N, C-alpha and C. Protein backbone atom coordinates (compact mmCIF):
# COMPACT_ATOMS: atom_id res chain seq x y z
N UNK A 1 2.54 -126.21 180.09
CA UNK A 1 2.87 -127.53 179.60
C UNK A 1 4.37 -127.78 179.81
N UNK A 2 4.71 -128.89 180.40
CA UNK A 2 6.09 -129.25 180.66
C UNK A 2 6.65 -130.00 179.47
N UNK A 3 7.81 -129.58 179.02
CA UNK A 3 8.45 -130.24 177.89
C UNK A 3 9.30 -131.39 178.40
N UNK A 4 9.25 -132.52 177.73
CA UNK A 4 10.08 -133.67 178.11
C UNK A 4 11.55 -133.33 177.92
N UNK A 5 12.39 -133.84 178.81
CA UNK A 5 13.82 -133.60 178.69
C UNK A 5 14.40 -134.30 177.47
N UNK A 6 13.89 -135.48 177.19
CA UNK A 6 14.35 -136.26 176.05
C UNK A 6 13.12 -136.79 175.32
N UNK A 7 13.17 -136.77 173.99
CA UNK A 7 12.09 -137.37 173.21
C UNK A 7 12.69 -138.39 172.26
N UNK A 8 11.90 -139.40 171.95
CA UNK A 8 12.33 -140.41 170.99
C UNK A 8 11.57 -140.16 169.71
N UNK A 9 12.32 -139.94 168.64
CA UNK A 9 11.72 -139.63 167.35
C UNK A 9 11.16 -140.85 166.66
N UNK A 10 10.52 -140.61 165.54
CA UNK A 10 9.97 -141.70 164.73
C UNK A 10 11.06 -142.66 164.27
N UNK A 11 12.31 -142.17 164.25
CA UNK A 11 13.43 -143.02 163.85
C UNK A 11 13.99 -143.83 165.00
N UNK A 12 13.36 -143.71 166.20
CA UNK A 12 13.79 -144.47 167.36
C UNK A 12 14.98 -143.88 168.10
N UNK A 13 15.41 -142.67 167.71
CA UNK A 13 16.58 -142.03 168.31
C UNK A 13 16.14 -141.05 169.40
N UNK A 14 16.79 -141.13 170.56
CA UNK A 14 16.50 -140.23 171.68
C UNK A 14 17.29 -138.95 171.52
N UNK A 15 16.57 -137.82 171.62
CA UNK A 15 17.20 -136.51 171.46
C UNK A 15 16.71 -135.55 172.54
N UNK A 16 17.43 -134.43 172.69
CA UNK A 16 17.02 -133.38 173.62
C UNK A 16 15.57 -132.98 173.30
N UNK A 17 14.79 -132.74 174.34
CA UNK A 17 13.36 -132.50 174.20
C UNK A 17 12.98 -131.26 173.41
N UNK A 18 13.89 -130.29 173.29
CA UNK A 18 13.55 -129.07 172.55
C UNK A 18 13.43 -129.31 171.05
N UNK A 19 13.91 -130.44 170.57
CA UNK A 19 13.93 -130.70 169.14
C UNK A 19 12.53 -130.87 168.56
N UNK A 20 11.67 -131.57 169.28
CA UNK A 20 10.33 -131.83 168.74
C UNK A 20 10.40 -132.75 167.54
N UNK A 21 9.51 -132.54 166.58
CA UNK A 21 9.44 -133.42 165.41
C UNK A 21 9.81 -132.73 164.11
N UNK A 22 10.22 -131.46 164.17
CA UNK A 22 10.55 -130.72 162.96
C UNK A 22 11.82 -131.30 162.32
N UNK A 23 11.72 -131.65 161.04
CA UNK A 23 12.85 -132.30 160.35
C UNK A 23 14.11 -131.45 160.35
N UNK A 24 13.96 -130.13 160.16
CA UNK A 24 15.13 -129.26 160.14
C UNK A 24 15.77 -129.16 161.52
N UNK A 25 14.93 -129.12 162.55
CA UNK A 25 15.47 -129.11 163.91
C UNK A 25 16.20 -130.42 164.21
N UNK A 26 15.64 -131.54 163.76
CA UNK A 26 16.29 -132.84 163.97
C UNK A 26 17.69 -132.84 163.35
N UNK A 27 17.77 -132.38 162.10
CA UNK A 27 19.06 -132.33 161.41
C UNK A 27 20.02 -131.38 162.13
N UNK A 28 19.53 -130.21 162.51
CA UNK A 28 20.36 -129.22 163.19
C UNK A 28 20.91 -129.78 164.51
N UNK A 29 20.04 -130.40 165.29
CA UNK A 29 20.46 -131.00 166.55
C UNK A 29 21.52 -132.07 166.34
N UNK A 30 21.29 -132.94 165.36
CA UNK A 30 22.18 -134.08 165.16
C UNK A 30 23.51 -133.70 164.52
N UNK A 31 23.51 -132.69 163.66
CA UNK A 31 24.70 -132.40 162.87
C UNK A 31 25.45 -131.13 163.26
N UNK A 32 24.78 -130.18 163.91
CA UNK A 32 25.42 -128.88 164.15
C UNK A 32 25.48 -128.46 165.61
N UNK A 33 24.34 -128.51 166.31
CA UNK A 33 24.26 -127.93 167.64
C UNK A 33 25.25 -128.61 168.58
N UNK A 34 26.12 -127.83 169.16
CA UNK A 34 27.10 -128.37 170.10
C UNK A 34 28.37 -128.87 169.46
N UNK A 35 28.47 -128.80 168.13
CA UNK A 35 29.69 -129.22 167.43
C UNK A 35 30.64 -128.02 167.37
N UNK A 36 31.91 -128.21 167.74
CA UNK A 36 32.85 -127.08 167.73
C UNK A 36 32.95 -126.43 166.35
N UNK A 37 32.78 -125.12 166.32
CA UNK A 37 32.81 -124.35 165.08
C UNK A 37 33.92 -123.31 165.17
N UNK A 38 34.77 -123.30 164.16
CA UNK A 38 35.88 -122.36 164.14
C UNK A 38 35.92 -121.62 162.80
N UNK A 39 36.62 -120.49 162.81
CA UNK A 39 36.79 -119.68 161.61
C UNK A 39 36.13 -118.33 161.78
N UNK A 40 36.84 -117.28 161.40
CA UNK A 40 36.31 -115.93 161.55
C UNK A 40 34.99 -115.75 160.82
N UNK A 41 34.91 -116.19 159.57
CA UNK A 41 33.69 -115.98 158.79
C UNK A 41 32.54 -116.80 159.35
N UNK A 42 32.81 -118.03 159.73
CA UNK A 42 31.74 -118.88 160.29
C UNK A 42 31.22 -118.31 161.61
N UNK A 43 32.12 -117.79 162.42
CA UNK A 43 31.69 -117.22 163.70
C UNK A 43 31.02 -115.86 163.50
N UNK A 44 31.44 -115.11 162.48
CA UNK A 44 30.71 -113.88 162.16
C UNK A 44 29.27 -114.23 161.75
N UNK A 45 29.10 -115.29 160.99
CA UNK A 45 27.74 -115.73 160.64
C UNK A 45 26.95 -116.10 161.89
N UNK A 46 27.57 -116.81 162.82
CA UNK A 46 26.88 -117.19 164.06
C UNK A 46 26.45 -115.95 164.83
N UNK A 47 27.36 -114.99 164.98
CA UNK A 47 27.03 -113.75 165.69
C UNK A 47 25.83 -113.08 165.02
N UNK A 48 25.87 -113.04 163.70
CA UNK A 48 24.80 -112.38 162.94
C UNK A 48 23.46 -113.08 163.13
N UNK A 49 23.45 -114.40 162.93
CA UNK A 49 22.19 -115.14 163.03
C UNK A 49 21.66 -115.15 164.45
N UNK A 50 22.54 -115.29 165.42
CA UNK A 50 22.07 -115.25 166.82
C UNK A 50 21.51 -113.88 167.14
N UNK A 51 22.10 -112.83 166.57
CA UNK A 51 21.55 -111.48 166.77
C UNK A 51 20.16 -111.35 166.19
N UNK A 52 19.96 -111.89 165.00
CA UNK A 52 18.62 -111.86 164.40
C UNK A 52 17.64 -112.70 165.21
N UNK A 53 18.12 -113.73 165.87
CA UNK A 53 17.25 -114.61 166.64
C UNK A 53 16.75 -113.95 167.93
N UNK A 54 17.45 -112.96 168.43
CA UNK A 54 17.09 -112.33 169.71
C UNK A 54 15.60 -111.99 169.74
N UNK A 55 14.90 -112.56 170.70
CA UNK A 55 13.47 -112.32 170.85
C UNK A 55 12.59 -113.22 170.01
N UNK A 56 13.19 -114.10 169.23
CA UNK A 56 12.44 -115.00 168.35
C UNK A 56 12.85 -116.44 168.63
N UNK A 57 12.17 -117.38 167.99
CA UNK A 57 12.57 -118.78 168.11
C UNK A 57 13.69 -119.08 167.12
N UNK A 58 14.57 -120.00 167.48
CA UNK A 58 15.69 -120.33 166.61
C UNK A 58 15.20 -120.94 165.29
N UNK A 59 14.10 -121.70 165.34
CA UNK A 59 13.62 -122.33 164.10
C UNK A 59 13.23 -121.28 163.07
N UNK A 60 12.76 -120.11 163.53
CA UNK A 60 12.40 -119.05 162.58
C UNK A 60 13.63 -118.55 161.83
N UNK A 61 14.79 -118.61 162.46
CA UNK A 61 16.04 -118.22 161.81
C UNK A 61 16.55 -119.38 160.95
N UNK A 62 16.51 -120.57 161.51
CA UNK A 62 17.02 -121.74 160.79
C UNK A 62 16.32 -121.92 159.45
N UNK A 63 15.01 -121.71 159.44
CA UNK A 63 14.26 -121.87 158.19
C UNK A 63 14.60 -120.78 157.17
N UNK A 64 15.16 -119.68 157.62
CA UNK A 64 15.52 -118.59 156.72
C UNK A 64 17.03 -118.49 156.50
N UNK A 65 17.77 -119.42 157.03
CA UNK A 65 19.24 -119.30 157.01
C UNK A 65 19.78 -119.15 155.59
N UNK A 66 19.27 -119.92 154.65
CA UNK A 66 19.78 -119.80 153.28
C UNK A 66 19.46 -118.43 152.70
N UNK A 67 18.31 -117.89 153.06
CA UNK A 67 17.98 -116.53 152.64
C UNK A 67 18.95 -115.52 153.22
N UNK A 68 19.25 -115.67 154.50
CA UNK A 68 20.23 -114.78 155.14
C UNK A 68 21.59 -114.90 154.44
N UNK A 69 21.99 -116.13 154.15
CA UNK A 69 23.29 -116.34 153.50
C UNK A 69 23.32 -115.68 152.13
N UNK A 70 22.20 -115.73 151.44
CA UNK A 70 22.15 -115.12 150.11
C UNK A 70 22.26 -113.60 150.19
N UNK A 71 21.41 -112.99 151.01
CA UNK A 71 21.38 -111.52 151.03
C UNK A 71 22.60 -110.91 151.71
N UNK A 72 23.24 -111.66 152.60
CA UNK A 72 24.45 -111.17 153.26
C UNK A 72 25.71 -111.80 152.67
N UNK A 73 25.64 -112.20 151.41
CA UNK A 73 26.83 -112.60 150.65
C UNK A 73 27.64 -113.70 151.34
N UNK A 74 26.94 -114.72 151.84
CA UNK A 74 27.64 -115.81 152.51
C UNK A 74 28.32 -115.40 153.80
N UNK A 75 27.91 -114.25 154.33
CA UNK A 75 28.51 -113.68 155.54
C UNK A 75 30.01 -113.44 155.38
N UNK A 76 30.41 -113.09 154.16
CA UNK A 76 31.77 -112.64 153.92
C UNK A 76 31.86 -111.24 154.53
N UNK A 77 32.66 -111.07 155.60
CA UNK A 77 32.68 -109.76 156.27
C UNK A 77 33.00 -108.59 155.35
N UNK A 78 33.89 -108.78 154.39
CA UNK A 78 34.25 -107.68 153.49
C UNK A 78 33.07 -107.26 152.63
N UNK A 79 32.32 -108.22 152.13
CA UNK A 79 31.17 -107.90 151.28
C UNK A 79 30.03 -107.30 152.09
N UNK A 80 29.83 -107.82 153.32
CA UNK A 80 28.77 -107.26 154.17
C UNK A 80 29.15 -105.85 154.60
N UNK A 81 30.41 -105.64 154.93
CA UNK A 81 30.86 -104.31 155.37
C UNK A 81 30.68 -103.27 154.28
N UNK A 82 30.69 -103.70 153.03
CA UNK A 82 30.54 -102.77 151.90
C UNK A 82 29.09 -102.44 151.58
N UNK A 83 28.16 -103.06 152.28
CA UNK A 83 26.74 -102.79 152.03
C UNK A 83 26.40 -101.36 152.44
N UNK A 84 25.49 -100.76 151.69
CA UNK A 84 25.14 -99.34 151.87
C UNK A 84 23.78 -99.21 152.56
N UNK A 85 23.43 -97.99 152.99
CA UNK A 85 22.08 -97.77 153.51
C UNK A 85 21.00 -98.16 152.50
N UNK A 86 21.26 -97.97 151.22
CA UNK A 86 20.28 -98.38 150.20
C UNK A 86 20.12 -99.89 150.19
N UNK A 87 21.22 -100.62 150.40
CA UNK A 87 21.14 -102.08 150.49
C UNK A 87 20.29 -102.49 151.70
N UNK A 88 20.51 -101.80 152.81
CA UNK A 88 19.73 -102.09 154.02
C UNK A 88 18.26 -101.78 153.79
N UNK A 89 17.98 -100.69 153.10
CA UNK A 89 16.59 -100.36 152.77
C UNK A 89 15.94 -101.49 151.97
N UNK A 90 16.68 -102.00 150.99
CA UNK A 90 16.16 -103.08 150.15
C UNK A 90 15.87 -104.34 150.97
N UNK A 91 16.74 -104.62 151.94
CA UNK A 91 16.55 -105.82 152.77
C UNK A 91 15.28 -105.72 153.62
N UNK A 92 14.83 -104.52 153.89
CA UNK A 92 13.59 -104.35 154.66
C UNK A 92 12.36 -104.83 153.88
N UNK A 93 12.54 -105.13 152.60
CA UNK A 93 11.44 -105.63 151.78
C UNK A 93 11.67 -107.07 151.33
N UNK A 94 12.73 -107.69 151.87
CA UNK A 94 13.10 -109.04 151.44
C UNK A 94 12.52 -110.08 152.39
N UNK A 95 11.56 -110.85 151.88
CA UNK A 95 10.84 -111.81 152.73
C UNK A 95 11.68 -113.02 153.10
N UNK A 96 12.87 -113.13 152.54
CA UNK A 96 13.72 -114.28 152.86
C UNK A 96 14.38 -114.18 154.23
N UNK A 97 14.32 -112.99 154.84
CA UNK A 97 14.98 -112.78 156.13
C UNK A 97 14.01 -112.15 157.12
N UNK A 98 14.46 -112.00 158.36
CA UNK A 98 13.74 -111.24 159.37
C UNK A 98 13.99 -109.77 159.07
N UNK A 99 12.93 -109.02 158.81
CA UNK A 99 13.09 -107.62 158.38
C UNK A 99 13.05 -106.68 159.58
N UNK A 100 14.19 -106.56 160.21
CA UNK A 100 14.36 -105.71 161.38
C UNK A 100 15.54 -104.78 161.09
N UNK A 101 15.25 -103.50 160.92
CA UNK A 101 16.29 -102.56 160.48
C UNK A 101 17.45 -102.48 161.47
N UNK A 102 17.15 -102.48 162.75
CA UNK A 102 18.24 -102.39 163.73
C UNK A 102 19.17 -103.59 163.63
N UNK A 103 18.62 -104.77 163.38
CA UNK A 103 19.44 -105.98 163.27
C UNK A 103 20.20 -106.01 161.95
N UNK A 104 19.59 -105.52 160.89
CA UNK A 104 20.28 -105.42 159.60
C UNK A 104 21.46 -104.47 159.72
N UNK A 105 21.21 -103.30 160.29
CA UNK A 105 22.28 -102.31 160.46
C UNK A 105 23.40 -102.85 161.35
N UNK A 106 23.01 -103.56 162.42
CA UNK A 106 24.02 -104.13 163.33
C UNK A 106 24.88 -105.15 162.60
N UNK A 107 24.27 -105.95 161.74
CA UNK A 107 25.04 -106.96 161.00
C UNK A 107 26.08 -106.30 160.11
N UNK A 108 25.69 -105.23 159.43
CA UNK A 108 26.63 -104.50 158.57
C UNK A 108 27.74 -103.86 159.40
N UNK A 109 27.36 -103.24 160.52
CA UNK A 109 28.35 -102.63 161.40
C UNK A 109 29.27 -103.69 162.01
N UNK A 110 28.69 -104.82 162.41
CA UNK A 110 29.50 -105.90 162.99
C UNK A 110 30.51 -106.43 161.98
N UNK A 111 30.12 -106.45 160.70
CA UNK A 111 31.05 -106.89 159.66
C UNK A 111 32.23 -105.93 159.58
N UNK A 112 31.97 -104.64 159.68
CA UNK A 112 33.05 -103.64 159.62
C UNK A 112 34.01 -103.81 160.80
N UNK A 113 33.45 -104.07 161.98
CA UNK A 113 34.28 -104.29 163.17
C UNK A 113 35.10 -105.56 163.01
N UNK A 114 34.46 -106.61 162.47
CA UNK A 114 35.17 -107.87 162.25
C UNK A 114 36.34 -107.67 161.30
N UNK A 115 36.12 -106.91 160.23
CA UNK A 115 37.20 -106.64 159.27
C UNK A 115 38.38 -105.95 159.95
N UNK A 116 38.08 -104.98 160.80
CA UNK A 116 39.14 -104.27 161.52
C UNK A 116 39.88 -105.23 162.46
N UNK A 117 39.11 -106.10 163.12
CA UNK A 117 39.68 -107.02 164.10
C UNK A 117 40.64 -108.01 163.45
N UNK A 118 40.26 -108.52 162.29
CA UNK A 118 41.05 -109.58 161.66
C UNK A 118 42.07 -109.05 160.64
N UNK A 119 42.05 -107.74 160.40
CA UNK A 119 43.00 -107.16 159.43
C UNK A 119 44.43 -107.45 159.88
N UNK A 120 45.15 -108.18 159.06
CA UNK A 120 46.52 -108.53 159.40
C UNK A 120 46.63 -109.56 160.51
N UNK A 121 45.51 -110.05 160.99
CA UNK A 121 45.52 -111.02 162.09
C UNK A 121 44.40 -112.04 161.90
N UNK A 122 44.47 -112.83 160.82
CA UNK A 122 43.42 -113.84 160.60
C UNK A 122 43.29 -114.75 161.82
N UNK A 123 42.05 -115.06 162.16
CA UNK A 123 41.79 -115.90 163.33
C UNK A 123 41.53 -115.11 164.59
N UNK A 124 41.61 -113.78 164.51
CA UNK A 124 41.45 -112.95 165.72
C UNK A 124 40.05 -113.09 166.31
N UNK A 125 39.02 -113.12 165.46
CA UNK A 125 37.67 -113.27 165.98
C UNK A 125 37.49 -114.65 166.60
N UNK A 126 38.00 -115.67 165.93
CA UNK A 126 37.92 -117.03 166.45
C UNK A 126 38.58 -117.10 167.84
N UNK A 127 39.77 -116.56 167.95
CA UNK A 127 40.47 -116.61 169.24
C UNK A 127 39.74 -115.83 170.31
N UNK A 128 39.19 -114.67 169.93
CA UNK A 128 38.43 -113.87 170.89
C UNK A 128 37.24 -114.65 171.42
N UNK A 129 36.43 -115.18 170.51
CA UNK A 129 35.22 -115.91 170.92
C UNK A 129 35.58 -117.14 171.76
N UNK A 130 36.49 -117.95 171.24
CA UNK A 130 36.83 -119.20 171.94
C UNK A 130 37.59 -118.95 173.24
N UNK A 131 38.13 -117.76 173.42
CA UNK A 131 38.78 -117.42 174.67
C UNK A 131 37.82 -117.40 175.85
N UNK A 132 36.52 -117.39 175.57
CA UNK A 132 35.52 -117.38 176.64
C UNK A 132 34.90 -118.75 176.87
N UNK A 133 35.39 -119.78 176.19
CA UNK A 133 34.84 -121.13 176.38
C UNK A 133 35.17 -121.62 177.78
N UNK A 134 34.16 -122.09 178.51
CA UNK A 134 34.43 -122.62 179.85
C UNK A 134 35.07 -124.00 179.75
N UNK A 135 35.66 -124.48 180.84
CA UNK A 135 36.19 -125.85 180.81
C UNK A 135 35.06 -126.83 180.52
N UNK A 136 35.36 -127.93 179.83
CA UNK A 136 34.31 -128.92 179.57
C UNK A 136 33.66 -129.39 180.87
N UNK A 137 32.35 -129.57 180.81
CA UNK A 137 31.60 -129.97 182.00
C UNK A 137 31.96 -131.39 182.41
N UNK A 138 32.17 -132.26 181.43
CA UNK A 138 32.57 -133.63 181.74
C UNK A 138 31.44 -134.59 182.00
N UNK A 139 30.22 -134.06 182.04
CA UNK A 139 29.06 -134.93 182.25
C UNK A 139 27.85 -134.26 181.61
N UNK A 140 26.87 -135.07 181.28
CA UNK A 140 25.65 -134.52 180.67
C UNK A 140 24.79 -133.85 181.73
N UNK A 141 24.03 -132.85 181.30
CA UNK A 141 23.04 -132.24 182.19
C UNK A 141 21.91 -133.25 182.41
N UNK A 142 21.32 -133.20 183.60
CA UNK A 142 20.26 -134.15 183.93
C UNK A 142 18.94 -133.79 183.28
N UNK A 143 18.73 -132.48 183.03
CA UNK A 143 17.44 -132.06 182.49
C UNK A 143 17.59 -130.75 181.72
N UNK A 144 16.58 -130.45 180.91
CA UNK A 144 16.57 -129.17 180.19
C UNK A 144 16.56 -127.99 181.17
N UNK A 145 15.96 -128.21 182.34
CA UNK A 145 15.89 -127.16 183.35
C UNK A 145 17.25 -126.72 183.87
N UNK A 146 18.27 -127.56 183.66
CA UNK A 146 19.62 -127.21 184.12
C UNK A 146 20.37 -126.33 183.13
N UNK A 147 19.82 -126.16 181.92
CA UNK A 147 20.49 -125.34 180.92
C UNK A 147 20.33 -123.87 181.29
N UNK A 148 21.45 -123.18 181.50
CA UNK A 148 21.34 -121.76 181.87
C UNK A 148 20.99 -120.90 180.67
N UNK A 149 20.49 -119.71 180.94
CA UNK A 149 20.24 -118.73 179.88
C UNK A 149 21.45 -117.81 179.71
N UNK A 150 22.16 -117.62 180.81
CA UNK A 150 23.31 -116.71 180.86
C UNK A 150 24.35 -117.33 181.79
N UNK A 151 25.60 -117.14 181.47
CA UNK A 151 26.68 -117.59 182.35
C UNK A 151 27.68 -116.44 182.52
N UNK A 152 28.60 -116.63 183.45
CA UNK A 152 29.66 -115.63 183.63
C UNK A 152 30.46 -115.47 182.34
N UNK A 153 30.68 -116.58 181.65
CA UNK A 153 31.47 -116.53 180.41
C UNK A 153 30.71 -115.81 179.30
N UNK A 154 29.41 -116.07 179.18
CA UNK A 154 28.65 -115.40 178.11
C UNK A 154 28.51 -113.90 178.41
N UNK A 155 28.44 -113.56 179.68
CA UNK A 155 28.39 -112.15 180.08
C UNK A 155 29.70 -111.46 179.75
N UNK A 156 30.81 -112.14 180.05
CA UNK A 156 32.13 -111.56 179.75
C UNK A 156 32.33 -111.43 178.24
N UNK A 157 31.89 -112.43 177.46
CA UNK A 157 32.01 -112.36 176.01
C UNK A 157 31.20 -111.19 175.47
N UNK A 158 29.98 -111.06 175.97
CA UNK A 158 29.11 -109.96 175.55
C UNK A 158 29.78 -108.61 175.82
N UNK A 159 30.34 -108.47 177.00
CA UNK A 159 30.99 -107.20 177.36
C UNK A 159 32.16 -106.90 176.44
N UNK A 160 32.97 -107.92 176.16
CA UNK A 160 34.15 -107.72 175.30
C UNK A 160 33.73 -107.32 173.88
N UNK A 161 32.70 -107.98 173.35
CA UNK A 161 32.24 -107.65 172.01
C UNK A 161 31.60 -106.27 171.96
N UNK A 162 30.84 -105.93 172.99
CA UNK A 162 30.22 -104.60 173.03
C UNK A 162 31.29 -103.51 173.09
N UNK A 163 32.35 -103.76 173.83
CA UNK A 163 33.43 -102.77 173.92
C UNK A 163 34.09 -102.53 172.57
N UNK A 164 34.07 -103.55 171.72
CA UNK A 164 34.60 -103.40 170.36
C UNK A 164 33.61 -102.70 169.44
N UNK A 165 32.34 -102.60 169.89
CA UNK A 165 31.33 -101.93 169.09
C UNK A 165 30.29 -102.84 168.46
N UNK A 166 30.37 -104.15 168.73
CA UNK A 166 29.39 -105.09 168.18
C UNK A 166 28.01 -104.82 168.78
N UNK A 167 26.97 -105.05 167.99
CA UNK A 167 25.60 -104.90 168.45
C UNK A 167 24.86 -106.23 168.44
N UNK A 168 23.78 -106.30 169.21
CA UNK A 168 22.96 -107.51 169.36
C UNK A 168 23.81 -108.68 169.81
N UNK A 169 24.62 -108.45 170.84
CA UNK A 169 25.49 -109.49 171.39
C UNK A 169 25.31 -109.56 172.91
N UNK A 170 24.06 -109.51 173.36
CA UNK A 170 23.79 -109.58 174.79
C UNK A 170 24.19 -110.92 175.38
N UNK A 171 24.26 -111.02 176.72
CA UNK A 171 24.72 -112.25 177.38
C UNK A 171 23.90 -113.49 177.03
N UNK A 172 22.57 -113.34 176.90
CA UNK A 172 21.74 -114.49 176.55
C UNK A 172 22.00 -114.92 175.11
N UNK A 173 22.10 -113.95 174.22
CA UNK A 173 22.41 -114.23 172.81
C UNK A 173 23.77 -114.91 172.70
N UNK A 174 24.74 -114.45 173.48
CA UNK A 174 26.07 -115.05 173.41
C UNK A 174 26.09 -116.45 174.02
N UNK A 175 25.22 -116.71 174.99
CA UNK A 175 25.17 -118.10 175.49
C UNK A 175 24.59 -119.01 174.42
N UNK A 176 23.59 -118.53 173.69
CA UNK A 176 23.05 -119.32 172.58
C UNK A 176 24.14 -119.60 171.54
N UNK A 177 24.98 -118.61 171.27
CA UNK A 177 26.10 -118.82 170.36
C UNK A 177 27.05 -119.87 170.91
N UNK A 178 27.34 -119.81 172.20
CA UNK A 178 28.23 -120.78 172.82
C UNK A 178 27.68 -122.20 172.65
N UNK A 179 26.37 -122.35 172.78
CA UNK A 179 25.75 -123.67 172.58
C UNK A 179 25.87 -124.11 171.12
N UNK A 180 25.48 -123.23 170.21
CA UNK A 180 25.44 -123.62 168.80
C UNK A 180 26.83 -123.82 168.22
N UNK A 181 27.83 -123.10 168.74
CA UNK A 181 29.20 -123.22 168.23
C UNK A 181 30.01 -124.27 168.98
N UNK A 182 29.38 -125.01 169.89
CA UNK A 182 30.06 -126.10 170.57
C UNK A 182 31.03 -125.68 171.65
N UNK A 183 30.90 -124.44 172.12
CA UNK A 183 31.75 -124.00 173.22
C UNK A 183 31.30 -124.61 174.54
N UNK A 184 30.03 -124.97 174.60
CA UNK A 184 29.47 -125.71 175.73
C UNK A 184 28.67 -126.87 175.15
N UNK A 185 28.49 -127.92 175.92
CA UNK A 185 27.73 -129.09 175.50
C UNK A 185 26.51 -129.21 176.41
N UNK A 186 25.36 -128.78 175.88
CA UNK A 186 24.14 -128.81 176.68
C UNK A 186 23.17 -129.91 176.26
N UNK A 187 23.68 -130.95 175.61
CA UNK A 187 22.83 -132.12 175.36
C UNK A 187 22.54 -132.78 176.70
N UNK A 188 21.28 -133.15 176.93
CA UNK A 188 20.89 -133.69 178.24
C UNK A 188 21.03 -135.20 178.29
N UNK A 189 21.16 -135.70 179.50
CA UNK A 189 21.32 -137.14 179.71
C UNK A 189 20.18 -137.89 179.04
N UNK A 190 20.53 -138.92 178.30
CA UNK A 190 19.55 -139.71 177.58
C UNK A 190 19.53 -139.40 176.08
N UNK A 191 20.00 -138.19 175.72
CA UNK A 191 20.13 -137.84 174.31
C UNK A 191 21.31 -138.61 173.73
N UNK A 192 21.18 -139.04 172.47
CA UNK A 192 22.25 -139.84 171.87
C UNK A 192 23.57 -139.08 171.74
N UNK A 193 23.51 -137.74 171.79
CA UNK A 193 24.72 -136.95 171.66
C UNK A 193 25.31 -136.53 173.01
N UNK A 194 24.65 -136.87 174.08
CA UNK A 194 25.09 -136.42 175.40
C UNK A 194 26.41 -137.07 175.81
N UNK A 195 27.20 -136.29 176.54
CA UNK A 195 28.41 -136.82 177.14
C UNK A 195 27.99 -137.89 178.15
N UNK A 196 28.66 -139.05 178.19
CA UNK A 196 28.27 -140.07 179.17
C UNK A 196 28.35 -139.54 180.60
N UNK A 197 27.44 -139.99 181.42
CA UNK A 197 27.40 -139.53 182.83
C UNK A 197 28.62 -140.02 183.58
């Protein structure tokens, strides 16, 4: 089945075709996706949630986001870094999140790396991530088919984060982060949020 590049919702607004009719997806598309996001803690949350999303649909994460925020202490790196193996064990029984031990452990480890990175240098994670933002495209993509899964920039970001010890930061996952954090604008032509052609 071919997905339409643009769909018009019940509200008469044209949006990227991946949105469908789900109310939470509509809100996410209109208010968050592709909007520039800055801040070490906010980007640590993005890294964490995109890592949990690997191999799953984004809506499955979006619907659990408040649960993730609760169990991971608002993604405060210091509080997540202090979590113990017993805390991770408990999360394996918490239905509010995706119960994947490798991803839970990676989130805790990533928090520890983030703390080291930003110690005495607030904004270090923000600068690192945004240092891989490509130049603005300047025009909307013609179709969903033009949206890449991986780019040279997402591959380079993945490599840099892996070298620091981050987990679940593969090139495809990092491109999804680039989209959601507004480092790239992948709204397609005809969507109300698209860059004019």
